[in-house]
Amino acid sequence: QVQLVESGGGLVQAGGSLRLSCAASGIIFSRNTVGWFRQAPGKQRELVAYITRAGTANYPDSVKGRFTISRDNGKNTVFLQMNSLRPEDTAVYFCAARWPRDWSGEGSPGEYDYWGQGTQVTVSS
């Protein structure tokens, strides 16, 4: 049974930092692309970062330079370091894993196979 378990969410003031963790069981995490997504009320789920099995990270412009995704394959865990947080970063954050495909699509939630339960990140002004 595959499980992704997130931790590290919470309440932080604008300008602060949080580090999210996503621990996987039931899969070899290193064999997957792992993404972090977020969803705010009334908005679509959007990509905030993903990291490939080779360790290459990608970010949208909204978080580039502020967020860093990394992975510890020995611990079967992926991290999201979030710095310089803004109120607009407030959302439920999800981690997700994607098995290799013959096509690209790492930026799309529908392309991922496994999801965590989500963790709330709230940034106060």
Protein backbone atom coordinates (compact mmCIF):
# COMPACT_ATOMS: atom_id res chain seq x y z
CA GLN A 1 0.00 0.00 0.00
CA VAL A 2 1.40 3.36 -1.03
CA GLN A 3 1.24 6.20 1.43
CA LEU A 4 2.60 9.72 1.30
CA VAL A 5 2.62 11.51 4.63
CA GLU A 6 3.21 15.23 4.82
CA SER A 7 4.35 17.20 7.82
CA GLY A 8 5.65 20.65 8.64
CA GLY A 9 2.70 22.85 7.81
CA GLY A 10 1.45 25.52 10.13
CA LEU A 11 1.01 29.21 10.71
CA VAL A 12 3.80 31.63 9.95
CA GLN A 13 4.09 35.37 9.53
CA ALA A 14 4.84 36.93 6.18
CA GLY A 15 8.53 36.78 5.48
CA GLY A 16 8.98 33.65 7.52
CA SER A 17 9.91 30.14 6.53
CA LEU A 18 8.54 26.63 6.73
CA ARG A 19 9.95 23.29 5.74
CA LEU A 20 7.52 20.65 4.56
CA SER A 21 8.35 16.97 4.48
CA CYS A 22 6.76 14.16 2.51
CA ALA A 23 7.63 10.66 3.62
CA ALA A 24 6.71 7.77 1.36
CA SER A 25 6.03 4.15 2.11
CA GLY A 26 5.13 1.31 -0.21
CA ILE A 27 7.17 2.72 -3.09
CA ILE A 28 10.77 3.49 -3.84
CA PHE A 29 10.45 7.24 -3.89
CA SER A 30 13.67 7.71 -5.82
CA ARG A 31 12.11 6.06 -8.85
CA ASN A 32 9.41 8.71 -9.12
CA THR A 33 9.09 12.32 -9.96
CA VAL A 34 7.76 13.99 -6.83
CA GLY A 35 5.80 17.21 -6.90
CA TRP A 36 4.44 19.68 -4.43
CA PHE A 37 1.11 21.27 -5.26
CA ARG A 38 -1.09 23.71 -3.44
CA GLN A 39 -4.73 24.62 -3.50
CA ALA A 40 -6.26 27.72 -2.01
CA PRO A 41 -10.01 28.19 -1.53
CA GLY A 42 -11.72 28.90 -4.82
CA LYS A 43 -8.61 28.21 -6.85
CA GLN A 44 -7.33 25.29 -8.87
CA ARG A 45 -4.60 23.07 -7.60
CA GLU A 46 -1.30 24.40 -8.88
CA LEU A 47 2.26 23.20 -9.05
CA VAL A 48 4.77 24.75 -6.69
CA ALA A 49 7.73 22.47 -7.38
CA TYR A 50 8.73 19.09 -8.67
CA ILE A 51 11.90 17.05 -8.61
CA THR A 52 12.79 14.28 -11.01
CA ARG A 53 14.37 10.96 -10.20
CA ALA A 54 17.63 12.46 -11.43
CA GLY A 55 17.31 15.25 -8.88
CA THR A 56 16.45 18.08 -11.25
CA ALA A 57 14.11 20.63 -9.69
CA ASN A 58 11.58 22.84 -11.43
CA TYR A 59 9.48 25.74 -10.18
CA PRO A 60 6.86 28.12 -11.50
CA ASP A 61 7.62 31.81 -11.47
CA SER A 62 5.37 32.37 -8.47
CA VAL A 63 7.78 30.57 -6.13
CA LYS A 64 11.06 30.57 -8.01
CA GLY A 65 13.84 31.85 -5.82
CA ARG A 66 11.81 31.37 -2.64
CA PHE A 67 11.03 27.64 -2.55
CA THR A 68 13.45 24.76 -2.83
CA ILE A 69 12.55 21.13 -3.35
CA SER A 70 14.99 18.40 -2.43
CA ARG A 71 14.99 14.71 -1.77
CA ASP A 72 16.70 12.30 0.58
CA ASN A 73 16.46 8.99 -1.19
CA GLY A 74 17.87 7.09 1.75
CA LYS A 75 14.97 8.27 3.89
CA ASN A 76 12.39 7.99 1.11
CA THR A 77 11.51 11.59 1.79
CA VAL A 78 11.08 14.78 -0.21
CA PHE A 79 11.26 18.25 1.28
CA LEU A 80 9.97 21.67 0.37
CA GLN A 81 11.82 24.56 1.93
CA MET A 82 9.68 27.68 1.75
CA ASN A 83 11.29 31.03 2.45
CA SER A 84 10.06 34.60 2.21
CA LEU A 85 6.50 33.42 2.59
CA ARG A 86 3.66 35.66 1.52
CA PRO A 87 -0.02 35.66 2.42
CA GLU A 88 -0.81 34.51 -1.09
CA ASP A 89 1.13 31.32 -0.35
CA THR A 90 -1.64 30.31 2.03
CA ALA A 91 -3.08 27.02 0.83
CA VAL A 92 -3.30 23.33 1.47
CA TYR A 93 -0.07 21.81 0.25
CA PHE A 94 0.04 18.32 -1.21
CA CYS A 95 2.88 16.10 -2.24
CA ALA A 96 2.44 13.66 -5.08
CA ALA A 97 4.43 10.99 -6.87
CA ARG A 98 4.48 10.22 -10.56
CA TRP A 99 5.74 7.05 -12.13
CA PRO A 100 7.82 7.45 -15.28
CA ARG A 101 5.82 8.00 -18.45
CA ASP A 102 6.58 8.18 -22.12
CA TRP A 103 5.43 11.77 -22.12
CA SER A 104 6.00 14.90 -20.10
CA GLY A 105 3.41 16.26 -17.70
CA GLU A 106 5.07 16.78 -14.35
CA GLY A 107 3.41 20.14 -13.92
CA SER A 108 -0.13 18.79 -14.09
CA PRO A 109 -1.87 17.31 -11.04
CA GLY A 110 -3.72 14.80 -13.19
CA GLU A 111 -0.47 13.20 -14.24
CA TYR A 112 0.43 12.05 -10.72
CA ASP A 113 -0.34 8.61 -9.37
CA TYR A 114 -0.15 8.99 -5.59
CA TRP A 115 -1.08 11.82 -3.29
CA GLY A 116 -0.64 12.78 0.31
CA GLN A 117 -3.45 14.02 2.49
CA GLY A 118 -2.41 17.65 2.34
CA THR A 119 -1.13 19.98 5.02
CA GLN A 120 -2.32 23.49 5.73
CA VAL A 121 0.09 26.39 5.34
CA THR A 122 -1.19 29.74 6.54
CA VAL A 123 0.82 32.92 6.12
CA SER A 124 -0.39 35.90 8.08
CA SER A 125 0.18 39.49 7.02
